[in-house]
Amino acid sequence: MQIVPKAPTVKNPPEQFTGDVWLDAIASPQQEGDRMTVVKVRFVPGARTAWHSHARGQTLHVTEGVALLGSRDGTVVEALPGQTIYTPPGEEHWHGATPDDYMEHLAMIESADDPSTTTTWLEHVSDDDYRRP
């Protein structure tokens, strides 16, 4: 058993996010064969990810605020604190805060066989896609 040193909080890159988004690493692979990564992600009001997908899917657990999650079919859903959302492998999606409130979630993903293909980042989410009812 070991205590893993805390990594500094980092601001996510503007190429992959609209607005200010901060990340704290919680868990990462420690040994060969480990795949799980868990991060706490905090979004300022109106902030969101770009469109993206994950090779092995993604699980999000909302801890504060109201999360908005969108899919390519135009659906945008709201998730409240305590709710968990699963996005299957390869599904293009985005997630972020509402226009008026901060949002925080835990993001859990497993690395792909080639870790560089774990997440595929795409274009930014348009304001129209973000504001869909």
Protein backbone atom coordinates (compact mmCIF):
# COMPACT_ATOMS: atom_id res chain seq x y z
CA MET A 1 0.00 0.00 0.00
CA GLN A 2 1.23 3.50 -0.73
CA ILE A 3 0.05 7.09 -0.62
CA VAL A 4 0.30 8.55 -4.11
CA PRO A 5 1.57 12.14 -4.08
CA LYS A 6 -1.00 14.70 -5.24
CA ALA A 7 -0.28 16.22 -8.62
CA PRO A 8 -0.89 19.97 -9.00
CA THR A 9 -4.26 21.17 -10.30
CA VAL A 10 -3.99 21.89 -14.02
CA LYS A 11 -6.04 24.02 -16.38
CA ASN A 12 -7.26 22.04 -19.37
CA PRO A 13 -6.10 23.20 -22.80
CA PRO A 14 -8.25 25.56 -24.91
CA GLU A 15 -7.87 23.22 -27.90
CA GLN A 16 -10.10 20.73 -26.09
CA PHE A 17 -12.31 22.97 -23.92
CA THR A 18 -14.40 26.13 -24.16
CA GLY A 19 -14.13 28.24 -21.00
CA ASP A 20 -12.09 27.55 -17.90
CA VAL A 21 -11.89 23.93 -16.84
CA TRP A 22 -9.63 22.63 -14.05
CA LEU A 23 -8.50 19.07 -13.46
CA ASP A 24 -7.20 17.19 -10.43
CA ALA A 25 -5.82 13.69 -10.97
CA ILE A 26 -7.19 11.17 -8.49
CA ALA A 27 -6.05 7.80 -9.84
CA SER A 28 -3.79 6.70 -12.68
CA PRO A 29 -2.20 3.42 -13.71
CA GLN A 30 0.44 2.41 -11.16
CA GLN A 31 1.52 -0.98 -12.50
CA GLU A 32 1.72 -2.74 -15.84
CA GLY A 33 -1.74 -3.85 -16.86
CA ASP A 34 -3.51 -1.05 -14.94
CA ARG A 35 -5.84 0.96 -17.20
CA MET A 36 -8.07 3.10 -14.95
CA THR A 37 -7.73 6.87 -14.75
CA VAL A 38 -9.96 8.99 -12.52
CA VAL A 39 -9.94 12.79 -12.50
CA LYS A 40 -11.99 15.48 -10.77
CA VAL A 41 -12.98 18.08 -13.36
CA ARG A 42 -14.38 21.51 -12.45
CA PHE A 43 -16.13 23.69 -15.05
CA VAL A 44 -16.93 27.39 -14.68
CA PRO A 45 -20.42 28.45 -15.88
CA GLY A 46 -20.71 27.92 -19.62
CA ALA A 47 -17.51 25.86 -19.89
CA ARG A 48 -17.59 22.59 -21.79
CA THR A 49 -15.46 20.00 -23.51
CA ALA A 50 -15.01 19.78 -27.26
CA TRP A 51 -16.67 16.86 -29.02
CA HIS A 52 -14.76 13.70 -28.19
CA SER A 53 -15.00 9.93 -27.80
CA HIS A 54 -13.25 7.28 -25.73
CA ALA A 55 -11.93 3.96 -26.98
CA ARG A 56 -13.22 2.08 -23.91
CA GLY A 57 -16.10 4.38 -22.94
CA GLN A 58 -16.35 6.85 -20.08
CA THR A 59 -18.18 7.06 -16.76
CA LEU A 60 -18.97 10.46 -15.24
CA HIS A 61 -20.24 11.00 -11.70
CA VAL A 62 -21.61 14.49 -10.99
CA THR A 63 -20.55 15.80 -7.57
CA GLU A 64 -21.64 19.49 -7.74
CA GLY A 65 -23.82 21.69 -9.92
CA VAL A 66 -25.76 20.54 -12.96
CA ALA A 67 -23.98 18.79 -15.81
CA LEU A 68 -25.04 19.12 -19.42
CA LEU A 69 -24.16 16.22 -21.72
CA GLY A 70 -24.71 16.21 -25.45
CA SER A 71 -24.61 13.55 -28.15
CA ARG A 72 -24.38 13.79 -31.94
CA ASP A 73 -28.09 13.07 -32.37
CA GLY A 74 -28.77 16.48 -30.79
CA THR A 75 -29.85 15.18 -27.39
CA VAL A 76 -28.70 17.25 -24.41
CA VAL A 77 -29.42 15.85 -20.95
CA GLU A 78 -28.99 17.30 -17.48
CA ALA A 79 -27.42 15.28 -14.68
CA LEU A 80 -27.61 16.27 -11.02
CA PRO A 81 -25.21 15.66 -8.13
CA GLY A 82 -25.12 11.97 -7.29
CA GLN A 83 -26.08 10.86 -10.79
CA THR A 84 -23.73 8.75 -12.91
CA ILE A 85 -23.63 8.75 -16.71
CA TYR A 86 -22.02 6.11 -18.91
CA THR A 87 -20.96 6.85 -22.48
CA PRO A 88 -20.14 3.71 -24.51
CA PRO A 89 -16.92 3.24 -26.50
CA GLY A 90 -16.69 5.39 -29.62
CA GLU A 91 -19.75 7.56 -28.89
CA GLU A 92 -19.02 11.18 -29.76
CA HIS A 93 -20.23 13.45 -26.97
CA TRP A 94 -19.49 16.54 -24.89
CA HIS A 95 -20.10 17.59 -21.28
CA GLY A 96 -19.97 20.79 -19.32
CA ALA A 97 -21.58 23.25 -16.93
CA THR A 98 -24.85 25.08 -17.39
CA PRO A 99 -24.58 28.75 -18.43
CA ASP A 100 -25.31 29.92 -14.87
CA ASP A 101 -23.59 27.46 -12.52
CA TYR A 102 -20.30 25.75 -11.82
CA MET A 103 -20.19 21.99 -12.27
CA GLU A 104 -17.86 19.30 -10.99
CA HIS A 105 -17.69 15.64 -11.93
CA LEU A 106 -15.46 12.65 -11.55
CA ALA A 107 -14.40 11.28 -14.94
CA MET A 108 -13.36 7.63 -15.16
CA ILE A 109 -11.81 6.05 -18.24
CA GLU A 110 -9.73 3.01 -19.08
CA SER A 111 -6.72 3.39 -21.36
CA ALA A 112 -6.83 1.86 -24.81
CA ASP A 113 -4.20 -0.70 -25.81
CA ASP A 114 -2.40 2.27 -27.37
CA PRO A 115 -2.80 4.97 -24.69
CA SER A 116 -2.56 7.74 -27.33
CA THR A 117 -5.92 6.54 -28.74
CA THR A 118 -7.77 6.49 -25.38
CA THR A 119 -9.53 9.80 -26.15
CA THR A 120 -10.16 11.16 -29.63
CA TRP A 121 -10.64 14.94 -29.53
CA LEU A 122 -12.74 16.56 -32.24
CA GLU A 123 -14.06 20.06 -32.99
CA HIS A 124 -15.39 22.52 -30.42
CA VAL A 125 -19.08 22.37 -29.54
CA SER A 126 -20.98 25.20 -31.23
CA ASP A 127 -23.07 27.58 -29.16
CA ASP A 128 -26.16 26.22 -30.94
CA ASP A 129 -25.33 22.62 -29.93
CA TYR A 130 -24.58 23.75 -26.37
CA ARG A 131 -27.87 25.65 -26.04
CA ARG A 132 -30.15 22.89 -27.37
CA PRO A 133 -33.13 22.22 -25.09
